[in-house]
N, C-alpha and C. Protein backbone atom coordinates (compact mmCIF):
# COMPACT_ATOMS: atom_id res chain seq x y z
N UNK A 1 -72.57 26.71 12.83
CA UNK A 1 -72.20 25.93 11.56
C UNK A 1 -71.13 26.36 10.68
N UNK A 2 -71.16 27.72 10.47
CA UNK A 2 -70.24 28.38 9.57
C UNK A 2 -68.90 28.29 10.36
N UNK A 3 -68.76 28.46 11.60
CA UNK A 3 -67.47 28.46 12.34
C UNK A 3 -66.66 27.01 11.93
N UNK A 4 -67.71 26.12 12.13
CA UNK A 4 -67.19 24.68 11.91
C UNK A 4 -66.70 24.48 10.51
N UNK A 5 -67.41 24.75 9.59
CA UNK A 5 -67.07 24.69 8.16
C UNK A 5 -65.76 25.33 7.95
N UNK A 6 -65.69 26.56 8.51
CA UNK A 6 -64.51 27.35 8.03
C UNK A 6 -63.25 26.73 8.79
N UNK A 7 -63.17 26.12 9.94
CA UNK A 7 -62.26 25.46 10.62
C UNK A 7 -61.83 24.03 9.59
N UNK A 8 -62.89 23.56 9.25
CA UNK A 8 -62.72 22.32 8.55
C UNK A 8 -62.04 22.61 7.19
N UNK A 9 -62.30 23.73 6.51
CA UNK A 9 -61.85 24.07 5.21
C UNK A 9 -60.29 24.43 5.54
N UNK A 10 -60.17 25.28 6.63
CA UNK A 10 -58.71 25.64 7.01
C UNK A 10 -57.74 24.56 7.18
N UNK A 11 -58.38 23.57 8.02
CA UNK A 11 -57.60 22.34 8.49
C UNK A 11 -57.27 21.55 6.91
N UNK A 12 -58.31 21.35 6.14
CA UNK A 12 -57.90 20.57 4.90
C UNK A 12 -56.90 21.36 4.05
N UNK A 13 -56.97 22.68 4.04
CA UNK A 13 -56.10 23.49 3.18
C UNK A 13 -54.78 23.24 3.88
N UNK A 14 -54.51 23.39 5.38
CA UNK A 14 -53.29 23.09 5.89
C UNK A 14 -52.68 21.83 5.72
N UNK A 15 -53.58 20.65 5.71
CA UNK A 15 -53.03 19.50 5.46
C UNK A 15 -52.64 19.19 3.89
N UNK A 16 -53.44 19.70 2.99
CA UNK A 16 -52.90 19.69 1.64
C UNK A 16 -51.56 20.48 1.27
N UNK A 17 -51.45 21.55 1.93
CA UNK A 17 -50.17 22.28 1.83
C UNK A 17 -49.02 21.51 2.50
N UNK A 18 -49.34 20.85 3.58
CA UNK A 18 -48.26 20.01 4.26
C UNK A 18 -47.88 18.84 3.25
N UNK A 19 -48.82 18.18 2.69
CA UNK A 19 -48.67 16.95 1.60
C UNK A 19 -47.76 17.57 0.45
N UNK A 20 -48.15 18.58 0.13
CA UNK A 20 -47.48 19.10 -1.08
C UNK A 20 -45.78 19.50 -0.69
N UNK A 21 -45.75 20.07 0.47
CA UNK A 21 -44.41 20.55 0.89
C UNK A 21 -43.61 19.13 1.12
N UNK A 22 -44.13 18.18 1.69
CA UNK A 22 -43.49 16.87 2.05
C UNK A 22 -43.35 16.41 0.77
N UNK A 23 -43.96 16.26 -0.30
CA UNK A 23 -43.79 15.58 -1.60
C UNK A 23 -42.60 16.43 -2.34
N UNK A 24 -42.64 17.57 -2.24
CA UNK A 24 -41.47 18.31 -2.84
C UNK A 24 -40.12 18.02 -2.32
N UNK A 25 -40.25 17.79 -0.90
CA UNK A 25 -38.84 17.69 -0.11
C UNK A 25 -38.40 16.16 -0.46
N UNK A 26 -39.30 15.22 -0.56
CA UNK A 26 -38.88 13.84 -0.74
C UNK A 26 -37.98 13.56 -1.96
N UNK A 27 -37.08 12.64 -1.72
CA UNK A 27 -36.17 12.32 -2.91
C UNK A 27 -37.08 11.48 -3.87
N UNK A 28 -36.60 11.38 -5.04
CA UNK A 28 -37.19 10.81 -5.95
C UNK A 28 -36.42 9.31 -6.11
N UNK A 29 -37.21 8.38 -5.83
CA UNK A 29 -36.67 6.99 -5.88
C UNK A 29 -36.22 6.49 -7.14
N UNK A 30 -36.86 7.01 -8.34
CA UNK A 30 -36.38 6.85 -9.60
C UNK A 30 -35.02 7.35 -9.83
N UNK A 31 -34.89 8.73 -9.54
CA UNK A 31 -33.68 9.20 -9.76
C UNK A 31 -32.55 8.64 -8.93
N UNK A 32 -32.68 8.17 -7.80
CA UNK A 32 -31.99 7.71 -6.86
C UNK A 32 -31.27 6.28 -7.50
N UNK A 33 -32.34 5.47 -7.97
CA UNK A 33 -32.02 4.28 -8.58
C UNK A 33 -31.24 4.15 -9.81
N UNK A 34 -31.53 5.30 -10.63
CA UNK A 34 -30.85 5.35 -11.78
C UNK A 34 -29.42 5.98 -11.47
N UNK A 35 -29.25 6.80 -10.54
CA UNK A 35 -27.90 7.10 -10.05
C UNK A 35 -27.08 6.03 -9.72
N UNK A 36 -27.72 5.06 -8.78
CA UNK A 36 -27.05 4.02 -8.21
C UNK A 36 -26.66 3.00 -9.35
N UNK A 37 -27.52 2.83 -10.40
CA UNK A 37 -27.27 1.99 -11.55
C UNK A 37 -25.93 2.60 -12.29
N UNK A 38 -25.95 3.79 -12.64
CA UNK A 38 -24.94 4.64 -13.22
C UNK A 38 -23.53 4.34 -12.38
N UNK A 39 -23.61 4.64 -11.14
CA UNK A 39 -22.34 4.34 -10.28
C UNK A 39 -21.84 3.09 -10.54
N UNK A 40 -22.66 2.00 -10.38
CA UNK A 40 -22.16 0.58 -10.55
C UNK A 40 -21.60 0.36 -11.92
N UNK A 41 -22.22 0.99 -13.05
CA UNK A 41 -21.67 0.79 -14.25
C UNK A 41 -20.20 1.67 -14.53
N UNK A 42 -20.28 2.81 -13.83
CA UNK A 42 -18.89 3.53 -13.85
C UNK A 42 -17.77 2.50 -12.99
N UNK A 43 -18.14 1.94 -12.17
CA UNK A 43 -17.16 1.05 -11.31
C UNK A 43 -16.93 -0.06 -12.18
N UNK A 44 -17.86 -0.70 -12.81
CA UNK A 44 -17.53 -1.99 -13.65
C UNK A 44 -16.70 -1.35 -14.87
N UNK A 45 -16.79 -0.40 -15.54
CA UNK A 45 -15.83 0.26 -16.44
C UNK A 45 -14.47 0.49 -15.94
N UNK A 46 -14.48 1.03 -14.51
CA UNK A 46 -12.93 1.30 -14.20
C UNK A 46 -12.51 0.00 -13.93
N UNK A 47 -13.02 -1.12 -13.58
CA UNK A 47 -12.50 -2.34 -13.36
C UNK A 47 -12.30 -3.16 -14.60
N UNK A 48 -12.76 -2.71 -15.80
CA UNK A 48 -12.58 -3.45 -16.89
C UNK A 48 -11.33 -2.92 -17.86
N UNK A 49 -10.74 -1.82 -17.08
CA UNK A 49 -9.49 -1.18 -17.85
C UNK A 49 -9.96 -0.01 -18.60
N UNK A 50 -11.11 0.65 -18.38
CA UNK A 50 -11.48 1.79 -19.14
C UNK A 50 -10.70 2.91 -18.82
N UNK A 51 -9.93 3.12 -17.59
CA UNK A 51 -9.00 4.14 -17.42
C UNK A 51 -7.87 4.24 -18.33
N UNK A 52 -7.46 2.97 -18.97
CA UNK A 52 -6.39 3.00 -19.72
C UNK A 52 -6.74 2.86 -21.35
N UNK A 53 -7.90 2.04 -21.65
CA UNK A 53 -8.36 1.73 -22.87
C UNK A 53 -9.49 2.69 -23.42
N UNK A 54 -10.17 3.36 -22.45
CA UNK A 54 -11.46 4.05 -22.95
C UNK A 54 -11.58 5.35 -22.04
N UNK A 55 -10.41 6.07 -21.94
CA UNK A 55 -10.45 7.28 -20.91
C UNK A 55 -11.40 8.22 -21.21
N UNK A 56 -11.74 8.52 -22.57
CA UNK A 56 -12.67 9.66 -22.96
C UNK A 56 -14.05 9.28 -22.59
N UNK A 57 -14.54 8.03 -22.89
CA UNK A 57 -15.82 7.61 -22.65
C UNK A 57 -16.15 7.58 -21.03
N UNK A 58 -15.03 7.12 -20.16
CA UNK A 58 -15.02 7.12 -18.97
C UNK A 58 -15.24 8.34 -18.42
N UNK A 59 -14.46 9.08 -18.71
CA UNK A 59 -14.47 10.63 -18.16
C UNK A 59 -15.85 11.17 -18.33
N UNK A 60 -16.43 10.92 -19.66
CA UNK A 60 -17.86 11.47 -19.75
C UNK A 60 -18.80 10.97 -18.93
N UNK A 61 -18.72 9.64 -18.81
CA UNK A 61 -19.67 8.93 -17.90
C UNK A 61 -19.56 9.55 -16.26
N UNK A 62 -18.32 9.76 -15.83
CA UNK A 62 -18.01 10.22 -14.73
C UNK A 62 -18.64 11.72 -14.54
N UNK A 63 -18.29 12.43 -15.46
CA UNK A 63 -18.90 14.10 -15.56
C UNK A 63 -20.39 13.82 -15.43
N UNK A 64 -20.97 13.06 -16.37
CA UNK A 64 -22.57 13.02 -16.26
C UNK A 64 -23.02 12.45 -15.00
N UNK A 65 -22.30 11.53 -14.24
CA UNK A 65 -22.67 11.14 -13.15
C UNK A 65 -22.85 12.11 -12.03
N UNK A 66 -21.68 12.94 -12.01
CA UNK A 66 -21.71 14.08 -11.07
C UNK A 66 -22.74 15.12 -11.38
N UNK A 67 -23.00 15.32 -12.62
CA UNK A 67 -24.28 16.34 -12.98
C UNK A 67 -25.36 15.73 -12.20
N UNK A 68 -25.78 14.27 -12.51
CA UNK A 68 -26.78 13.67 -12.10
C UNK A 68 -26.94 13.97 -10.52
N UNK A 69 -25.87 13.69 -9.81
CA UNK A 69 -25.83 13.89 -8.32
C UNK A 69 -26.25 15.12 -7.98
N UNK A 70 -25.50 16.10 -8.69
CA UNK A 70 -25.89 17.50 -8.35
C UNK A 70 -27.30 17.93 -8.52
N UNK A 71 -27.81 17.59 -9.67
CA UNK A 71 -29.42 17.86 -9.99
C UNK A 71 -30.11 17.14 -9.04
N UNK A 72 -29.80 15.93 -8.56
CA UNK A 72 -30.66 15.21 -7.63
C UNK A 72 -30.57 15.90 -6.19
N UNK A 73 -29.39 16.41 -5.80
CA UNK A 73 -29.26 17.21 -4.67
C UNK A 73 -29.96 18.45 -4.59
N UNK A 74 -30.04 19.13 -5.83
CA UNK A 74 -30.68 20.32 -5.93
C UNK A 74 -32.36 20.13 -6.27
N UNK A 75 -32.74 18.81 -6.14
CA UNK A 75 -34.03 18.41 -6.26
C UNK A 75 -34.53 18.54 -7.69
N UNK A 76 -33.77 18.70 -8.70
CA UNK A 76 -34.07 18.79 -10.06
C UNK A 76 -34.12 17.35 -10.56
N UNK A 77 -35.16 16.72 -10.29
CA UNK A 77 -35.27 15.29 -10.40
C UNK A 77 -35.39 14.75 -12.03
N UNK A 78 -36.02 15.34 -12.76
CA UNK A 78 -35.92 14.98 -14.38
C UNK A 78 -34.67 15.21 -14.81
N UNK A 79 -33.95 16.38 -14.66
CA UNK A 79 -32.56 16.24 -15.22
C UNK A 79 -31.70 15.38 -14.50
N UNK A 80 -31.81 15.12 -13.28
CA UNK A 80 -30.99 14.11 -12.63
C UNK A 80 -31.32 12.72 -13.16
N UNK A 81 -32.44 12.53 -13.51
CA UNK A 81 -32.63 11.18 -14.07
C UNK A 81 -32.05 10.98 -15.36
N UNK A 82 -32.16 11.88 -16.23
CA UNK A 82 -31.65 11.87 -17.54
C UNK A 82 -30.17 11.92 -17.48
N UNK A 83 -29.51 12.73 -16.63
CA UNK A 83 -28.15 12.62 -16.72
C UNK A 83 -27.51 11.34 -16.15
N UNK A 84 -28.23 10.65 -15.33
CA UNK A 84 -27.90 9.46 -14.74
C UNK A 84 -28.11 8.44 -15.90
N UNK A 85 -29.19 8.41 -16.74
CA UNK A 85 -29.21 7.48 -17.69
C UNK A 85 -28.00 7.62 -18.75
N UNK A 86 -27.71 8.93 -19.04
CA UNK A 86 -26.79 9.20 -20.09
C UNK A 86 -25.29 8.66 -19.39
N UNK A 87 -25.24 8.90 -18.05
CA UNK A 87 -23.86 8.35 -17.34
C UNK A 87 -23.75 6.78 -17.53
N UNK A 88 -24.92 6.11 -17.35
CA UNK A 88 -24.96 4.79 -17.48
C UNK A 88 -24.60 4.22 -18.74
N UNK A 89 -25.06 4.87 -19.93
CA UNK A 89 -24.75 4.59 -21.26
C UNK A 89 -23.23 4.72 -21.61
N UNK A 90 -22.58 5.95 -21.18
CA UNK A 90 -21.32 6.13 -21.31
C UNK A 90 -20.52 5.10 -20.54
N UNK A 91 -20.81 4.80 -19.61
CA UNK A 91 -19.97 3.78 -18.67
C UNK A 91 -20.02 2.45 -19.35
N UNK A 92 -21.41 2.23 -19.81
CA UNK A 92 -21.29 0.83 -20.63
C UNK A 92 -20.44 0.82 -21.90
N UNK A 93 -20.66 1.96 -22.68
CA UNK A 93 -19.70 2.30 -23.67
C UNK A 93 -18.30 1.93 -23.26
N UNK A 94 -17.68 2.79 -22.23
CA UNK A 94 -16.45 2.66 -21.92
C UNK A 94 -15.97 1.22 -21.54
N UNK A 95 -17.02 0.60 -20.88
CA UNK A 95 -16.53 -0.89 -20.51
C UNK A 95 -16.51 -1.75 -21.69
N UNK A 96 -17.46 -1.58 -22.80
CA UNK A 96 -17.31 -2.28 -23.94
C UNK A 96 -16.10 -1.95 -24.84
N UNK A 97 -15.75 -0.82 -24.99
CA UNK A 97 -14.61 -0.28 -25.71
C UNK A 97 -13.38 -0.82 -25.03
N UNK A 98 -13.43 -0.75 -23.74
CA UNK A 98 -12.06 -1.35 -22.90
C UNK A 98 -12.06 -3.06 -23.34
N UNK A 99 -13.05 -3.58 -23.13
CA UNK A 99 -13.12 -5.02 -23.52
C UNK A 99 -12.57 -5.17 -25.00
N UNK A 100 -13.10 -4.60 -25.95
CA UNK A 100 -12.82 -4.68 -27.23
C UNK A 100 -11.32 -4.28 -27.54
N UNK A 101 -10.81 -3.29 -26.85
CA UNK A 101 -9.53 -2.95 -26.94
C UNK A 101 -8.51 -3.95 -26.43
N UNK A 102 -8.82 -4.40 -25.24
CA UNK A 102 -7.94 -5.62 -24.81
C UNK A 102 -7.96 -6.82 -25.51
N UNK A 103 -9.24 -7.16 -26.27
CA UNK A 103 -9.28 -8.23 -27.07
C UNK A 103 -8.38 -8.05 -28.24
N UNK A 104 -8.39 -6.87 -28.73
CA UNK A 104 -7.66 -6.59 -29.70
C UNK A 104 -6.10 -6.70 -29.52
N UNK A 105 -5.69 -6.25 -28.33
CA UNK A 105 -4.38 -6.32 -27.94
C UNK A 105 -3.98 -7.66 -27.84
N UNK A 106 -4.69 -8.58 -27.17
CA UNK A 106 -4.44 -9.89 -26.91
C UNK A 106 -4.15 -10.58 -28.29
N UNK A 107 -5.27 -10.31 -29.22
CA UNK A 107 -5.00 -11.02 -30.59
C UNK A 107 -3.81 -10.64 -31.28
N UNK A 108 -3.38 -9.35 -31.11
CA UNK A 108 -2.27 -8.93 -31.89
C UNK A 108 -0.97 -9.58 -31.13
N UNK A 109 -0.94 -9.80 -29.70
CA UNK A 109 0.10 -10.61 -29.01
C UNK A 109 0.34 -11.85 -29.51
N UNK A 110 -1.02 -12.52 -29.69
CA UNK A 110 -1.12 -13.94 -30.13
C UNK A 110 -0.54 -14.16 -31.42
N UNK A 111 -0.88 -13.25 -32.48
CA UNK A 111 -0.34 -13.27 -33.86
C UNK A 111 1.16 -13.04 -33.61
N UNK A 112 1.66 -12.10 -32.96
CA UNK A 112 3.00 -11.99 -32.98
C UNK A 112 3.81 -13.26 -32.49
N UNK A 113 3.20 -13.64 -31.42
CA UNK A 113 3.75 -15.05 -30.97
C UNK A 113 3.78 -16.20 -31.99
N UNK A 114 2.60 -16.41 -32.64
CA UNK A 114 2.51 -17.46 -33.56
C UNK A 114 3.82 -17.09 -34.68
N UNK A 115 3.86 -15.82 -35.13
CA UNK A 115 4.88 -15.42 -36.17
C UNK A 115 6.29 -15.94 -35.68
N UNK A 116 6.55 -15.73 -34.43
CA UNK A 116 7.90 -15.98 -33.79
C UNK A 116 8.01 -17.52 -33.97
N UNK A 117 7.00 -18.33 -33.42
CA UNK A 117 6.93 -19.69 -33.40
C UNK A 117 7.39 -20.19 -34.80
N UNK A 118 6.57 -19.69 -35.67
CA UNK A 118 6.78 -20.02 -36.93
C UNK A 118 8.15 -19.93 -37.58
N UNK A 119 8.71 -18.78 -37.28
CA UNK A 119 9.97 -18.46 -37.72
C UNK A 119 11.14 -19.30 -37.11
N UNK A 120 10.83 -19.71 -35.83
CA UNK A 120 11.73 -20.55 -35.11
C UNK A 120 11.68 -21.97 -35.78
N UNK A 121 10.32 -22.13 -36.02
CA UNK A 121 10.30 -23.74 -36.62
C UNK A 121 10.94 -24.02 -37.97
N UNK A 122 10.85 -22.87 -38.58
CA UNK A 122 11.40 -22.84 -40.21
C UNK A 122 12.91 -22.92 -40.02
N UNK A 123 13.56 -22.18 -39.05
CA UNK A 123 15.04 -22.28 -38.72
C UNK A 123 15.27 -23.59 -38.29
N UNK A 124 14.74 -24.25 -37.36
CA UNK A 124 15.08 -25.61 -36.94
C UNK A 124 14.95 -26.49 -37.99
N UNK A 125 14.07 -26.41 -38.82
CA UNK A 125 13.74 -27.54 -39.74
C UNK A 125 14.75 -27.46 -40.93
N UNK A 126 15.57 -26.32 -41.14
CA UNK A 126 16.39 -26.13 -42.25
C UNK A 126 17.52 -26.89 -42.00
N UNK A 127 18.11 -27.89 -42.97
CA UNK A 127 19.47 -28.42 -42.62
C UNK A 127 20.75 -27.54 -42.47
N UNK A 128 21.65 -27.89 -41.61
CA UNK A 128 22.62 -27.21 -41.39
C UNK A 128 23.74 -27.53 -42.52
N UNK A 129 24.47 -26.69 -42.89
CA UNK A 129 25.54 -27.03 -43.74
C UNK A 129 26.96 -26.89 -43.36
């Protein structure tokens, strides 16, 4: 009986050790998902004109995304998740800043066009001498 109990205990211990090792080696779906979201945010920011209008914010997002990917590859899952979340926020800021800058530029161009039209209208409505 003692031999059977000892084998059972050893088998259970080996199984528990295997489960712990497999859990440690498995990737973290939460970190992977946050990194994927951050990548998509960086791509949207790039497409919105952030390289031109919000380069600092975009660079910060890219840097933090790279740190998240490295931490995830090194199985440092908590820092990977945190870096990915920060990268996502920075990318969203870059996109919003870019949109704001583009809107401001368009408004300035519109104002300039309106002033030019107004000046032309004033010239053409003045009687010639």
